[in-house]
Amino acid sequence: QVQLVESGGGLVQAGGSLRLSCAASGFTFSSSAMSWYRQAPGKERELVARISSGGGSTNYADSAKGRFTISRDNAKNTVYLQMNSLKPEDTAVYYCNAREVLLLHEFNYWGQGTQVTVSS
């Protein structure tokens, strides 16, 4: 059974930091690309950051560049999102996503989300 469990969300003042974690199980984490998405009220879900299976390649949304850092620990089956210099517009539910490819078929898995609220 695939599970992605996010943690680390909360309420923080503008300029503060949070570190999100996503603990994965039930699939081959070390061969899966991992991503963080977010969805603000009334808006579509958007990609925040992605990291390759080995951790050697990362991509960020323009809004996250220079402030957020995605990383992973394949020994712990966990992906992280370090968020610094948070802004009120970062307020959203943050979701962990795994993309696994098996026999040329792509599978996407999602966590339940963790709320991040940044007060001004």
N, C-alpha and C. Protein backbone atom coordinates (compact mmCIF):
# COMPACT_ATOMS: atom_id res chain seq x y z
N GLN A 1 0.85 -1.19 0.00
CA GLN A 1 0.00 0.00 0.00
C GLN A 1 0.89 1.24 0.00
N VAL A 2 0.69 2.09 -1.00
CA VAL A 2 1.47 3.31 -1.11
C VAL A 2 1.03 4.32 -0.08
N GLN A 3 1.99 4.90 0.59
CA GLN A 3 1.69 5.96 1.55
C GLN A 3 2.71 7.08 1.41
N LEU A 4 2.21 8.30 1.39
CA LEU A 4 3.03 9.50 1.46
C LEU A 4 2.45 10.33 2.59
N VAL A 5 3.25 10.53 3.62
CA VAL A 5 2.77 11.23 4.80
C VAL A 5 3.58 12.50 5.00
N GLU A 6 2.92 13.64 4.80
CA GLU A 6 3.58 14.94 4.96
C GLU A 6 3.49 15.40 6.41
N SER A 7 4.47 16.16 6.81
CA SER A 7 4.47 16.78 8.13
C SER A 7 5.31 18.05 8.07
N GLY A 8 5.18 18.86 9.11
CA GLY A 8 6.01 20.05 9.21
C GLY A 8 5.31 21.35 8.88
N GLY A 9 4.08 21.27 8.44
CA GLY A 9 3.34 22.50 8.15
C GLY A 9 2.96 23.21 9.43
N GLY A 10 2.43 24.42 9.26
CA GLY A 10 2.00 25.18 10.43
C GLY A 10 1.84 26.64 10.11
N LEU A 11 1.75 27.42 11.17
CA LEU A 11 1.59 28.87 11.06
C LEU A 11 2.93 29.54 11.36
N VAL A 12 3.34 30.43 10.47
CA VAL A 12 4.61 31.12 10.65
C VAL A 12 4.45 32.56 10.18
N GLN A 13 5.23 33.45 10.75
CA GLN A 13 5.19 34.84 10.32
C GLN A 13 5.99 35.02 9.04
N ALA A 14 5.65 36.05 8.31
CA ALA A 14 6.39 36.38 7.09
C ALA A 14 7.87 36.54 7.43
N GLY A 15 8.70 35.98 6.56
CA GLY A 15 10.13 36.01 6.80
C GLY A 15 10.65 34.79 7.53
N GLY A 16 9.76 34.00 8.06
CA GLY A 16 10.16 32.81 8.81
C GLY A 16 10.44 31.62 7.91
N SER A 17 10.70 30.50 8.55
CA SER A 17 11.07 29.27 7.84
C SER A 17 10.26 28.09 8.34
N LEU A 18 10.09 27.14 7.46
CA LEU A 18 9.48 25.86 7.79
C LEU A 18 10.20 24.78 7.00
N ARG A 19 10.22 23.59 7.55
CA ARG A 19 10.77 22.43 6.84
C ARG A 19 9.70 21.36 6.77
N LEU A 20 9.27 21.08 5.55
CA LEU A 20 8.29 20.02 5.34
C LEU A 20 9.02 18.70 5.11
N SER A 21 8.41 17.63 5.59
CA SER A 21 8.92 16.28 5.36
C SER A 21 7.82 15.42 4.75
N CYS A 22 8.22 14.46 3.96
CA CYS A 22 7.28 13.51 3.37
C CYS A 22 7.89 12.13 3.49
N ALA A 23 7.29 11.30 4.31
CA ALA A 23 7.76 9.94 4.51
C ALA A 23 7.02 9.00 3.57
N ALA A 24 7.76 8.23 2.79
CA ALA A 24 7.16 7.39 1.75
C ALA A 24 7.29 5.91 2.07
N SER A 25 6.32 5.14 1.62
CA SER A 25 6.38 3.69 1.76
C SER A 25 5.47 3.05 0.72
N GLY A 26 5.71 1.78 0.45
CA GLY A 26 4.85 1.03 -0.45
C GLY A 26 5.23 1.07 -1.91
N PHE A 27 6.33 1.73 -2.24
CA PHE A 27 6.81 1.75 -3.62
C PHE A 27 8.33 1.94 -3.56
N THR A 28 8.97 1.88 -4.73
CA THR A 28 10.42 1.98 -4.76
C THR A 28 10.82 3.45 -4.76
N PHE A 29 11.02 3.98 -3.57
CA PHE A 29 11.30 5.41 -3.40
C PHE A 29 12.56 5.82 -4.14
N SER A 30 13.59 5.02 -4.06
CA SER A 30 14.90 5.42 -4.59
C SER A 30 14.93 5.52 -6.11
N SER A 31 13.92 4.99 -6.77
CA SER A 31 13.88 5.09 -8.23
C SER A 31 12.75 5.99 -8.70
N SER A 32 12.19 6.76 -7.79
CA SER A 32 11.05 7.64 -8.10
C SER A 32 11.45 9.10 -7.98
N ALA A 33 11.03 9.89 -8.96
CA ALA A 33 11.16 11.34 -8.82
C ALA A 33 10.15 11.81 -7.80
N MET A 34 10.54 12.79 -7.01
CA MET A 34 9.67 13.31 -5.96
C MET A 34 9.46 14.80 -6.16
N SER A 35 8.27 15.25 -5.83
CA SER A 35 7.94 16.65 -6.02
C SER A 35 7.10 17.17 -4.85
N TRP A 36 7.13 18.48 -4.71
CA TRP A 36 6.21 19.18 -3.82
C TRP A 36 5.34 20.08 -4.69
N TYR A 37 4.04 19.99 -4.44
CA TYR A 37 3.07 20.86 -5.08
C TYR A 37 2.37 21.66 -3.98
N ARG A 38 1.68 22.70 -4.38
CA ARG A 38 0.87 23.43 -3.42
C ARG A 38 -0.42 23.91 -4.09
N GLN A 39 -1.42 24.10 -3.26
CA GLN A 39 -2.70 24.59 -3.76
C GLN A 39 -3.27 25.59 -2.77
N ALA A 40 -3.39 26.80 -3.23
CA ALA A 40 -3.99 27.86 -2.43
C ALA A 40 -5.49 27.88 -2.67
N PRO A 41 -6.27 28.44 -1.75
CA PRO A 41 -7.72 28.50 -1.92
C PRO A 41 -8.11 29.19 -3.22
N GLY A 42 -8.97 28.53 -3.99
CA GLY A 42 -9.44 29.10 -5.23
C GLY A 42 -8.47 29.04 -6.38
N LYS A 43 -7.33 28.38 -6.18
CA LYS A 43 -6.32 28.30 -7.23
C LYS A 43 -6.04 26.85 -7.58
N GLU A 44 -5.43 26.65 -8.74
CA GLU A 44 -5.07 25.30 -9.16
C GLU A 44 -3.80 24.85 -8.42
N ARG A 45 -3.66 23.56 -8.34
CA ARG A 45 -2.45 22.99 -7.75
C ARG A 45 -1.27 23.31 -8.67
N GLU A 46 -0.16 23.71 -8.08
CA GLU A 46 1.01 24.08 -8.86
C GLU A 46 2.26 23.40 -8.33
N LEU A 47 3.17 23.13 -9.24
CA LEU A 47 4.45 22.53 -8.87
C LEU A 47 5.32 23.56 -8.16
N VAL A 48 5.90 23.15 -7.05
CA VAL A 48 6.82 24.01 -6.31
C VAL A 48 8.26 23.60 -6.58
N ALA A 49 8.54 22.30 -6.44
CA ALA A 49 9.90 21.83 -6.64
C ALA A 49 9.88 20.34 -6.94
N ARG A 50 10.89 19.90 -7.68
CA ARG A 50 11.01 18.49 -8.05
C ARG A 50 12.46 18.07 -7.89
N ILE A 51 12.65 16.81 -7.52
CA ILE A 51 13.99 16.26 -7.39
C ILE A 51 14.03 14.89 -8.05
N SER A 52 15.12 14.63 -8.75
CA SER A 52 15.24 13.36 -9.44
C SER A 52 15.44 12.22 -8.45
N SER A 53 15.36 11.00 -8.96
CA SER A 53 15.41 9.83 -8.08
C SER A 53 16.71 9.76 -7.29
N GLY A 54 17.81 10.13 -7.91
CA GLY A 54 19.10 10.09 -7.22
C GLY A 54 19.45 11.36 -6.49
N GLY A 55 18.63 12.39 -6.69
CA GLY A 55 18.88 13.65 -6.01
C GLY A 55 19.80 14.61 -6.74
N GLY A 56 20.29 14.18 -7.91
CA GLY A 56 21.27 15.01 -8.60
C GLY A 56 20.69 16.14 -9.42
N SER A 57 19.38 16.12 -9.61
CA SER A 57 18.75 17.16 -10.42
C SER A 57 17.53 17.71 -9.69
N THR A 58 17.43 19.02 -9.66
CA THR A 58 16.28 19.67 -9.03
C THR A 58 15.72 20.75 -9.94
N ASN A 59 14.44 21.00 -9.79
CA ASN A 59 13.77 22.07 -10.52
C ASN A 59 12.85 22.81 -9.57
N TYR A 60 12.74 24.12 -9.78
CA TYR A 60 11.91 24.94 -8.91
C TYR A 60 11.00 25.85 -9.72
N ALA A 61 9.85 26.12 -9.15
CA ALA A 61 9.01 27.18 -9.70
C ALA A 61 9.72 28.51 -9.49
N ASP A 62 9.45 29.46 -10.34
CA ASP A 62 10.10 30.76 -10.20
C ASP A 62 9.84 31.35 -8.82
N SER A 63 8.65 31.12 -8.29
CA SER A 63 8.29 31.68 -6.99
C SER A 63 9.09 31.07 -5.85
N ALA A 64 9.67 29.91 -6.09
CA ALA A 64 10.42 29.19 -5.04
C ALA A 64 11.93 29.35 -5.16
N LYS A 65 12.39 29.75 -6.30
CA LYS A 65 13.83 29.83 -6.52
C LYS A 65 14.49 30.80 -5.54
N GLY A 66 15.60 30.33 -4.96
CA GLY A 66 16.34 31.17 -4.03
C GLY A 66 15.82 31.16 -2.61
N ARG A 67 14.62 30.61 -2.40
CA ARG A 67 14.04 30.59 -1.05
C ARG A 67 13.78 29.16 -0.56
N PHE A 68 13.42 28.27 -1.47
CA PHE A 68 13.08 26.89 -1.11
C PHE A 68 14.17 25.94 -1.59
N THR A 69 14.36 24.87 -0.84
CA THR A 69 15.31 23.83 -1.23
C THR A 69 14.68 22.47 -1.03
N ILE A 70 14.65 21.69 -2.11
CA ILE A 70 14.15 20.32 -2.02
C ILE A 70 15.34 19.38 -1.88
N SER A 71 15.17 18.37 -1.05
CA SER A 71 16.23 17.38 -0.87
C SER A 71 15.58 16.04 -0.53
N ARG A 72 16.37 15.00 -0.57
CA ARG A 72 15.83 13.68 -0.25
C ARG A 72 16.89 12.84 0.43
N ASP A 73 16.41 11.87 1.19
CA ASP A 73 17.27 10.91 1.86
C ASP A 73 16.73 9.53 1.47
N ASN A 74 17.37 8.90 0.52
CA ASN A 74 16.87 7.61 0.03
C ASN A 74 17.00 6.50 1.07
N ALA A 75 17.89 6.67 2.01
CA ALA A 75 18.03 5.67 3.07
C ALA A 75 16.85 5.73 4.03
N LYS A 76 16.23 6.92 4.11
CA LYS A 76 15.07 7.09 5.02
C LYS A 76 13.75 7.17 4.28
N ASN A 77 13.79 7.04 2.95
CA ASN A 77 12.57 7.15 2.14
C ASN A 77 11.81 8.43 2.45
N THR A 78 12.55 9.53 2.50
CA THR A 78 11.95 10.80 2.88
C THR A 78 12.43 11.91 1.96
N VAL A 79 11.51 12.79 1.62
CA VAL A 79 11.85 13.98 0.85
C VAL A 79 11.49 15.19 1.70
N TYR A 80 12.27 16.26 1.54
CA TYR A 80 12.12 17.44 2.36
C TYR A 80 11.92 18.68 1.48
N LEU A 81 11.31 19.68 2.08
CA LEU A 81 11.25 20.99 1.45
C LEU A 81 11.56 22.03 2.52
N GLN A 82 12.74 22.60 2.41
CA GLN A 82 13.13 23.69 3.32
C GLN A 82 12.64 24.99 2.72
N MET A 83 11.84 25.70 3.46
CA MET A 83 11.25 26.95 2.98
C MET A 83 11.72 28.10 3.86
N ASN A 84 12.42 29.03 3.27
CA ASN A 84 12.93 30.20 3.97
C ASN A 84 12.30 31.46 3.40
N SER A 85 12.43 32.54 4.16
CA SER A 85 11.90 33.84 3.72
C SER A 85 10.46 33.71 3.24
N LEU A 86 9.65 33.07 4.05
CA LEU A 86 8.27 32.81 3.64
C LEU A 86 7.46 34.09 3.52
N LYS A 87 6.55 34.06 2.55
CA LYS A 87 5.69 35.20 2.27
C LYS A 87 4.23 34.80 2.44
N PRO A 88 3.36 35.76 2.68
CA PRO A 88 1.93 35.41 2.80
C PRO A 88 1.40 34.66 1.58
N GLU A 89 1.94 34.96 0.41
CA GLU A 89 1.48 34.28 -0.81
C GLU A 89 1.94 32.83 -0.89
N ASP A 90 2.77 32.39 0.04
CA ASP A 90 3.15 30.98 0.11
C ASP A 90 2.10 30.16 0.86
N THR A 91 1.11 30.82 1.42
CA THR A 91 0.06 30.12 2.14
C THR A 91 -0.69 29.18 1.21
N ALA A 92 -0.74 27.91 1.58
CA ALA A 92 -1.36 26.89 0.74
C ALA A 92 -1.31 25.55 1.46
N VAL A 93 -2.00 24.59 0.89
CA VAL A 93 -1.79 23.20 1.30
C VAL A 93 -0.69 22.64 0.42
N TYR A 94 0.32 22.07 1.04
CA TYR A 94 1.46 21.52 0.32
C TYR A 94 1.34 20.00 0.24
N TYR A 95 1.50 19.50 -0.98
CA TYR A 95 1.33 18.08 -1.23
C TYR A 95 2.64 17.46 -1.72
N CYS A 96 2.90 16.28 -1.25
CA CYS A 96 4.03 15.48 -1.72
C CYS A 96 3.56 14.59 -2.86
N ASN A 97 4.37 14.47 -3.88
CA ASN A 97 4.04 13.65 -5.04
C ASN A 97 5.21 12.74 -5.39
N ALA A 98 4.90 11.51 -5.74
CA ALA A 98 5.90 10.57 -6.22
C ALA A 98 5.53 10.13 -7.62
N ARG A 99 6.50 10.05 -8.49
CA ARG A 99 6.28 9.57 -9.84
C ARG A 99 7.16 8.35 -10.06
N GLU A 100 6.49 7.21 -10.19
CA GLU A 100 7.19 5.94 -10.37
C GLU A 100 6.89 5.41 -11.76
N VAL A 101 7.90 4.91 -12.43
CA VAL A 101 7.74 4.33 -13.76
C VAL A 101 8.00 2.84 -13.66
N LEU A 102 6.98 2.04 -14.02
CA LEU A 102 7.09 0.59 -13.98
C LEU A 102 6.68 0.04 -15.34
N LEU A 103 7.58 -0.66 -15.98
CA LEU A 103 7.29 -1.27 -17.29
C LEU A 103 6.68 -0.24 -18.24
N LEU A 104 7.29 0.91 -18.29
CA LEU A 104 6.91 2.02 -19.18
C LEU A 104 5.59 2.69 -18.79
N HIS A 105 5.01 2.29 -17.67
CA HIS A 105 3.79 2.95 -17.19
C HIS A 105 4.17 3.87 -16.05
N GLU A 106 3.59 5.07 -16.08
CA GLU A 106 3.87 6.07 -15.05
C GLU A 106 2.76 6.06 -14.01
N PHE A 107 3.18 6.02 -12.75
CA PHE A 107 2.23 6.05 -11.64
C PHE A 107 2.52 7.28 -10.79
N ASN A 108 1.47 8.01 -10.45
CA ASN A 108 1.61 9.17 -9.59
C ASN A 108 0.91 8.91 -8.27
N TYR A 109 1.62 9.19 -7.19
CA TYR A 109 1.07 9.01 -5.86
C TYR A 109 1.06 10.35 -5.14
N TRP A 110 0.05 10.55 -4.30
CA TRP A 110 -0.11 11.82 -3.60
C TRP A 110 -0.28 11.61 -2.11
N GLY A 111 0.25 12.54 -1.34
CA GLY A 111 -0.01 12.57 0.08
C GLY A 111 -1.29 13.33 0.36
N GLN A 112 -1.62 13.43 1.64
CA GLN A 112 -2.88 14.05 2.04
C GLN A 112 -2.74 15.58 2.17
N GLY A 113 -1.53 16.05 2.17
CA GLY A 113 -1.29 17.49 2.25
C GLY A 113 -1.05 17.98 3.66
N THR A 114 -0.30 19.07 3.75
CA THR A 114 -0.06 19.73 5.03
C THR A 114 -0.24 21.24 4.83
N GLN A 115 -0.92 21.86 5.75
CA GLN A 115 -1.25 23.28 5.61
C GLN A 115 -0.08 24.15 6.05
N VAL A 116 0.24 25.10 5.20
CA VAL A 116 1.22 26.14 5.54
C VAL A 116 0.51 27.48 5.49
N THR A 117 0.58 28.20 6.58
CA THR A 117 -0.04 29.52 6.66
C THR A 117 1.01 30.54 7.07
N VAL A 118 1.16 31.56 6.24
CA VAL A 118 2.16 32.60 6.51
C VAL A 118 1.40 33.89 6.80
N SER A 119 1.59 34.41 7.99
CA SER A 119 0.91 35.64 8.38
C SER A 119 1.79 36.85 8.08
N SER A 120 1.14 37.94 7.77
CA SER A 120 1.89 39.17 7.43
C SER A 120 2.15 40.02 8.66
